[in-house]
Amino acid sequence: MPHFVIDCSQNILNKKAPNEIIQIVYNTAEASGLFEEGDIKVRINPFEYYTIGNTRGDFIHVFANIMEGRSIPEKNDLSKKIVSELKSLLPEVPIISMNIRDFEKATYYNKSMVG
């Protein structure tokens, strides 16, 4: 169920293969023990057109959308670990960040839940 969406500057994909970046996020999320094995979804959106403080510096930002119920310390630890792994993979990238948003169980549906 968790969705990890990686926004990044297009140039990031010249530094590392998309699948390598995706796998780092996947592996770190799986190792956290917060999610069921096989439920983690990760995708990447490279941006050709963007500005950061009126510059064209490289960036990575991970948006995590997870089902409510995890504690703030658990979410904080997950963010820190994913950012740390990406920093190790791409130490020359000046901006690497992440945030986590909770889905509400009461309003979440997927195909298998509809009769």
N, C-alpha and C. Protein backbone atom coordinates (compact mmCIF):
# COMPACT_ATOMS: atom_id res chain seq x y z
N MET A 1 0.79 -1.19 0.00
CA MET A 1 0.00 0.00 0.00
C MET A 1 0.84 1.26 0.00
N PRO A 2 1.98 1.31 0.66
CA PRO A 2 2.71 2.58 0.66
C PRO A 2 3.19 2.93 -0.75
N HIS A 3 3.09 4.22 -1.05
CA HIS A 3 3.56 4.73 -2.33
C HIS A 3 4.70 5.71 -2.06
N PHE A 4 5.83 5.48 -2.70
CA PHE A 4 6.97 6.38 -2.61
C PHE A 4 7.17 6.97 -4.00
N VAL A 5 6.96 8.28 -4.11
CA VAL A 5 7.09 8.97 -5.38
C VAL A 5 8.32 9.87 -5.30
N ILE A 6 9.27 9.61 -6.17
CA ILE A 6 10.54 10.34 -6.16
C ILE A 6 10.49 11.40 -7.26
N ASP A 7 10.47 12.66 -6.87
CA ASP A 7 10.63 13.76 -7.82
C ASP A 7 12.11 14.11 -7.84
N CYS A 8 12.63 14.36 -9.05
CA CYS A 8 14.05 14.72 -9.13
C CYS A 8 14.31 15.51 -10.41
N SER A 9 15.43 16.19 -10.43
CA SER A 9 15.86 16.85 -11.66
C SER A 9 16.26 15.77 -12.67
N GLN A 10 16.00 16.03 -13.92
CA GLN A 10 16.30 15.07 -15.00
C GLN A 10 17.75 14.62 -14.95
N ASN A 11 18.65 15.53 -14.60
CA ASN A 11 20.08 15.23 -14.57
C ASN A 11 20.44 14.11 -13.59
N ILE A 12 19.62 13.90 -12.57
CA ILE A 12 19.89 12.82 -11.61
C ILE A 12 20.00 11.49 -12.34
N LEU A 13 19.19 11.30 -13.38
CA LEU A 13 19.19 10.03 -14.10
C LEU A 13 20.43 9.86 -14.98
N ASN A 14 21.20 10.93 -15.13
CA ASN A 14 22.51 10.82 -15.79
C ASN A 14 23.58 10.39 -14.80
N LYS A 15 23.31 10.56 -13.53
CA LYS A 15 24.27 10.20 -12.48
C LYS A 15 24.10 8.75 -12.03
N LYS A 16 22.84 8.31 -11.90
CA LYS A 16 22.53 6.94 -11.48
C LYS A 16 21.32 6.45 -12.27
N ALA A 17 21.28 5.17 -12.51
CA ALA A 17 20.15 4.58 -13.23
C ALA A 17 18.88 4.70 -12.38
N PRO A 18 17.74 4.97 -13.03
CA PRO A 18 16.49 5.08 -12.28
C PRO A 18 16.20 3.86 -11.41
N ASN A 19 16.45 2.68 -11.94
CA ASN A 19 16.18 1.48 -11.16
C ASN A 19 17.04 1.37 -9.91
N GLU A 20 18.24 1.91 -9.97
CA GLU A 20 19.12 1.90 -8.79
C GLU A 20 18.56 2.82 -7.70
N ILE A 21 18.08 3.98 -8.09
CA ILE A 21 17.50 4.93 -7.14
C ILE A 21 16.22 4.33 -6.54
N ILE A 22 15.37 3.80 -7.40
CA ILE A 22 14.12 3.17 -6.96
C ILE A 22 14.40 2.04 -5.98
N GLN A 23 15.39 1.20 -6.29
CA GLN A 23 15.69 0.05 -5.45
C GLN A 23 16.19 0.46 -4.07
N ILE A 24 16.97 1.54 -4.00
CA ILE A 24 17.45 2.04 -2.70
C ILE A 24 16.27 2.43 -1.82
N VAL A 25 15.31 3.15 -2.39
CA VAL A 25 14.13 3.57 -1.62
C VAL A 25 13.32 2.34 -1.23
N TYR A 26 13.11 1.43 -2.16
CA TYR A 26 12.35 0.21 -1.87
C TYR A 26 13.00 -0.60 -0.75
N ASN A 27 14.29 -0.86 -0.88
CA ASN A 27 15.00 -1.68 0.11
C ASN A 27 14.95 -1.05 1.50
N THR A 28 15.11 0.25 1.56
CA THR A 28 15.11 0.94 2.85
C THR A 28 13.72 0.89 3.48
N ALA A 29 12.69 1.10 2.67
CA ALA A 29 11.31 1.02 3.18
C ALA A 29 11.00 -0.39 3.65
N GLU A 30 11.41 -1.38 2.89
CA GLU A 30 11.15 -2.77 3.27
C GLU A 30 11.88 -3.14 4.56
N ALA A 31 13.11 -2.69 4.69
CA ALA A 31 13.91 -2.99 5.89
C ALA A 31 13.36 -2.33 7.14
N SER A 32 12.52 -1.32 6.98
CA SER A 32 11.96 -0.62 8.14
C SER A 32 11.02 -1.51 8.96
N GLY A 33 10.45 -2.52 8.32
CA GLY A 33 9.49 -3.38 9.01
C GLY A 33 8.12 -2.75 9.19
N LEU A 34 7.89 -1.60 8.60
CA LEU A 34 6.62 -0.90 8.76
C LEU A 34 5.55 -1.34 7.76
N PHE A 35 5.97 -2.10 6.73
CA PHE A 35 5.06 -2.43 5.64
C PHE A 35 5.09 -3.93 5.34
N GLU A 36 4.00 -4.41 4.77
CA GLU A 36 3.92 -5.80 4.35
C GLU A 36 4.84 -6.02 3.15
N GLU A 37 5.52 -7.15 3.15
CA GLU A 37 6.41 -7.48 2.04
C GLU A 37 5.60 -7.54 0.74
N GLY A 38 6.13 -6.90 -0.29
CA GLY A 38 5.48 -6.90 -1.59
C GLY A 38 4.47 -5.80 -1.80
N ASP A 39 4.12 -5.03 -0.76
CA ASP A 39 3.13 -3.96 -0.89
C ASP A 39 3.73 -2.61 -1.28
N ILE A 40 5.03 -2.48 -1.18
CA ILE A 40 5.68 -1.19 -1.38
C ILE A 40 5.73 -0.85 -2.87
N LYS A 41 5.31 0.36 -3.20
CA LYS A 41 5.34 0.85 -4.58
C LYS A 41 6.25 2.07 -4.64
N VAL A 42 7.15 2.07 -5.62
CA VAL A 42 8.09 3.19 -5.78
C VAL A 42 8.11 3.59 -7.26
N ARG A 43 8.02 4.88 -7.49
CA ARG A 43 8.14 5.38 -8.86
C ARG A 43 8.91 6.70 -8.85
N ILE A 44 9.40 7.05 -10.03
CA ILE A 44 10.26 8.23 -10.14
C ILE A 44 9.74 9.16 -11.23
N ASN A 45 9.74 10.46 -10.93
CA ASN A 45 9.33 11.51 -11.87
C ASN A 45 10.49 12.46 -12.08
N PRO A 46 11.20 12.34 -13.20
CA PRO A 46 12.26 13.31 -13.47
C PRO A 46 11.68 14.58 -14.10
N PHE A 47 12.20 15.72 -13.69
CA PHE A 47 11.72 17.00 -14.18
C PHE A 47 12.79 17.67 -15.04
N GLU A 48 12.39 18.05 -16.25
CA GLU A 48 13.27 18.80 -17.13
C GLU A 48 13.14 20.30 -16.87
N TYR A 49 11.95 20.72 -16.50
CA TYR A 49 11.68 22.13 -16.28
C TYR A 49 11.38 22.39 -14.82
N TYR A 50 12.21 23.18 -14.17
CA TYR A 50 12.06 23.50 -12.75
C TYR A 50 13.01 24.63 -12.40
N THR A 51 12.82 25.20 -11.23
CA THR A 51 13.78 26.15 -10.69
C THR A 51 13.86 25.96 -9.18
N ILE A 52 15.03 26.12 -8.65
CA ILE A 52 15.24 26.06 -7.21
C ILE A 52 16.01 27.32 -6.85
N GLY A 53 15.30 28.26 -6.24
CA GLY A 53 15.95 29.53 -5.92
C GLY A 53 16.49 30.22 -7.15
N ASN A 54 15.77 30.07 -8.27
CA ASN A 54 16.15 30.64 -9.55
C ASN A 54 17.45 30.03 -10.10
N THR A 55 17.71 28.77 -9.74
CA THR A 55 18.86 28.05 -10.28
C THR A 55 18.39 26.72 -10.87
N ARG A 56 19.30 26.01 -11.47
CA ARG A 56 19.02 24.70 -12.06
C ARG A 56 19.78 23.60 -11.33
N GLY A 57 19.96 23.75 -10.01
CA GLY A 57 20.65 22.74 -9.23
C GLY A 57 19.88 21.43 -9.19
N ASP A 58 20.60 20.35 -9.00
CA ASP A 58 19.97 19.04 -8.90
C ASP A 58 19.22 18.88 -7.58
N PHE A 59 18.18 18.07 -7.60
CA PHE A 59 17.42 17.80 -6.39
C PHE A 59 16.77 16.43 -6.46
N ILE A 60 16.47 15.91 -5.28
CA ILE A 60 15.64 14.71 -5.11
C ILE A 60 14.71 15.00 -3.93
N HIS A 61 13.43 14.74 -4.14
CA HIS A 61 12.48 14.81 -3.03
C HIS A 61 11.58 13.58 -3.10
N VAL A 62 11.48 12.87 -1.99
CA VAL A 62 10.65 11.68 -1.92
C VAL A 62 9.36 12.03 -1.16
N PHE A 63 8.24 11.78 -1.81
CA PHE A 63 6.93 11.91 -1.19
C PHE A 63 6.46 10.50 -0.83
N ALA A 64 6.26 10.25 0.44
CA ALA A 64 5.76 8.94 0.87
C ALA A 64 4.31 9.10 1.31
N ASN A 65 3.46 8.27 0.76
CA ASN A 65 2.05 8.24 1.13
C ASN A 65 1.79 6.87 1.75
N ILE A 66 1.51 6.85 3.04
CA ILE A 66 1.36 5.59 3.75
C ILE A 66 0.04 5.58 4.52
N MET A 67 -0.44 4.38 4.83
CA MET A 67 -1.67 4.26 5.62
C MET A 67 -1.42 4.77 7.02
N GLU A 68 -2.39 5.51 7.56
CA GLU A 68 -2.26 6.04 8.91
C GLU A 68 -2.01 4.91 9.90
N GLY A 69 -1.44 5.27 11.05
CA GLY A 69 -1.22 4.28 12.10
C GLY A 69 0.22 4.15 12.56
N ARG A 70 1.15 4.70 11.79
CA ARG A 70 2.55 4.67 12.23
C ARG A 70 2.81 5.87 13.12
N SER A 71 3.70 5.69 14.08
CA SER A 71 4.01 6.78 15.01
C SER A 71 4.92 7.81 14.34
N ILE A 72 4.95 9.00 14.92
CA ILE A 72 5.85 10.04 14.42
C ILE A 72 7.30 9.59 14.49
N PRO A 73 7.77 8.96 15.59
CA PRO A 73 9.15 8.47 15.58
C PRO A 73 9.43 7.44 14.48
N GLU A 74 8.47 6.57 14.19
CA GLU A 74 8.65 5.59 13.11
C GLU A 74 8.77 6.29 11.76
N LYS A 75 7.92 7.27 11.52
CA LYS A 75 7.97 8.01 10.25
C LYS A 75 9.23 8.84 10.15
N ASN A 76 9.64 9.44 11.26
CA ASN A 76 10.88 10.22 11.28
C ASN A 76 12.07 9.35 10.95
N ASP A 77 12.12 8.17 11.55
CA ASP A 77 13.23 7.24 11.31
C ASP A 77 13.26 6.79 9.85
N LEU A 78 12.09 6.51 9.28
CA LEU A 78 12.02 6.10 7.88
C LEU A 78 12.54 7.21 6.97
N SER A 79 12.10 8.43 7.19
CA SER A 79 12.57 9.56 6.38
C SER A 79 14.08 9.72 6.49
N LYS A 80 14.58 9.68 7.70
CA LYS A 80 16.02 9.85 7.92
C LYS A 80 16.81 8.76 7.21
N LYS A 81 16.35 7.52 7.29
CA LYS A 81 17.08 6.41 6.65
C LYS A 81 17.07 6.52 5.13
N ILE A 82 15.92 6.87 4.56
CA ILE A 82 15.86 6.99 3.10
C ILE A 82 16.73 8.15 2.62
N VAL A 83 16.65 9.30 3.28
CA VAL A 83 17.50 10.44 2.89
C VAL A 83 18.97 10.08 3.05
N SER A 84 19.34 9.37 4.11
CA SER A 84 20.73 8.96 4.33
C SER A 84 21.22 8.03 3.22
N GLU A 85 20.38 7.09 2.82
CA GLU A 85 20.77 6.16 1.75
C GLU A 85 20.93 6.90 0.42
N LEU A 86 20.03 7.81 0.13
CA LEU A 86 20.15 8.58 -1.11
C LEU A 86 21.37 9.50 -1.08
N LYS A 87 21.68 10.05 0.08
CA LYS A 87 22.87 10.89 0.23
C LYS A 87 24.14 10.07 -0.02
N SER A 88 24.15 8.84 0.46
CA SER A 88 25.31 7.96 0.21
C SER A 88 25.43 7.60 -1.27
N LEU A 89 24.29 7.40 -1.92
CA LEU A 89 24.28 7.05 -3.34
C LEU A 89 24.67 8.23 -4.22
N LEU A 90 24.22 9.42 -3.84
CA LEU A 90 24.42 10.63 -4.66
C LEU A 90 24.94 11.78 -3.80
N PRO A 91 26.16 11.67 -3.27
CA PRO A 91 26.66 12.69 -2.33
C PRO A 91 26.83 14.08 -2.95
N GLU A 92 26.92 14.16 -4.26
CA GLU A 92 27.11 15.45 -4.92
C GLU A 92 25.80 16.22 -5.13
N VAL A 93 24.66 15.60 -4.86
CA VAL A 93 23.38 16.27 -5.05
C VAL A 93 23.12 17.18 -3.85
N PRO A 94 22.92 18.49 -4.09
CA PRO A 94 22.81 19.43 -2.97
C PRO A 94 21.50 19.35 -2.19
N ILE A 95 20.43 18.94 -2.84
CA ILE A 95 19.13 18.91 -2.15
C ILE A 95 18.55 17.50 -2.23
N ILE A 96 18.47 16.85 -1.08
CA ILE A 96 17.83 15.54 -0.95
C ILE A 96 16.91 15.65 0.26
N SER A 97 15.62 15.42 0.04
CA SER A 97 14.66 15.59 1.12
C SER A 97 13.51 14.59 0.97
N MET A 98 12.67 14.54 2.02
CA MET A 98 11.56 13.60 2.02
C MET A 98 10.50 14.07 2.99
N ASN A 99 9.24 13.75 2.70
CA ASN A 99 8.17 13.93 3.68
C ASN A 99 7.19 12.76 3.56
N ILE A 100 6.46 12.54 4.65
CA ILE A 100 5.50 11.44 4.71
C ILE A 100 4.13 12.01 4.99
N ARG A 101 3.16 11.54 4.21
CA ARG A 101 1.76 11.91 4.40
C ARG A 101 0.97 10.63 4.69
N ASP A 102 -0.02 10.74 5.56
CA ASP A 102 -0.85 9.59 5.91
C ASP A 102 -2.12 9.56 5.08
N PHE A 103 -2.46 8.36 4.58
CA PHE A 103 -3.79 8.10 4.02
C PHE A 103 -4.74 7.87 5.19
N GLU A 104 -5.98 8.26 5.06
CA GLU A 104 -7.00 7.94 6.05
C GLU A 104 -7.64 6.60 5.66
N LYS A 105 -7.68 5.65 6.58
CA LYS A 105 -8.30 4.36 6.30
C LYS A 105 -9.75 4.53 5.87
N ALA A 106 -10.44 5.49 6.47
CA ALA A 106 -11.86 5.69 6.20
C ALA A 106 -12.15 6.13 4.77
N THR A 107 -11.18 6.74 4.10
CA THR A 107 -11.43 7.27 2.76
C THR A 107 -10.61 6.57 1.67
N TYR A 108 -9.81 5.59 2.03
CA TYR A 108 -8.97 4.90 1.05
C TYR A 108 -9.71 3.71 0.45
N TYR A 109 -9.67 3.61 -0.88
CA TYR A 109 -10.19 2.44 -1.58
C TYR A 109 -9.25 2.08 -2.71
N ASN A 110 -9.22 0.80 -3.01
CA ASN A 110 -8.55 0.32 -4.21
C ASN A 110 -9.47 -0.67 -4.90
N LYS A 111 -9.06 -1.15 -6.03
CA LYS A 111 -9.88 -2.01 -6.87
C LYS A 111 -10.41 -3.25 -6.12
N SER A 112 -9.56 -3.86 -5.32
CA SER A 112 -9.96 -5.09 -4.64
C SER A 112 -10.99 -4.85 -3.54
N MET A 113 -11.16 -3.61 -3.12
CA MET A 113 -12.09 -3.29 -2.03
C MET A 113 -13.51 -2.97 -2.55
N VAL A 114 -13.64 -2.79 -3.84
CA VAL A 114 -14.94 -2.44 -4.43
C VAL A 114 -15.62 -3.72 -4.92
N GLY A 115 -16.87 -3.90 -4.49
CA GLY A 115 -17.61 -5.12 -4.82
C GLY A 115 -18.05 -5.25 -6.22
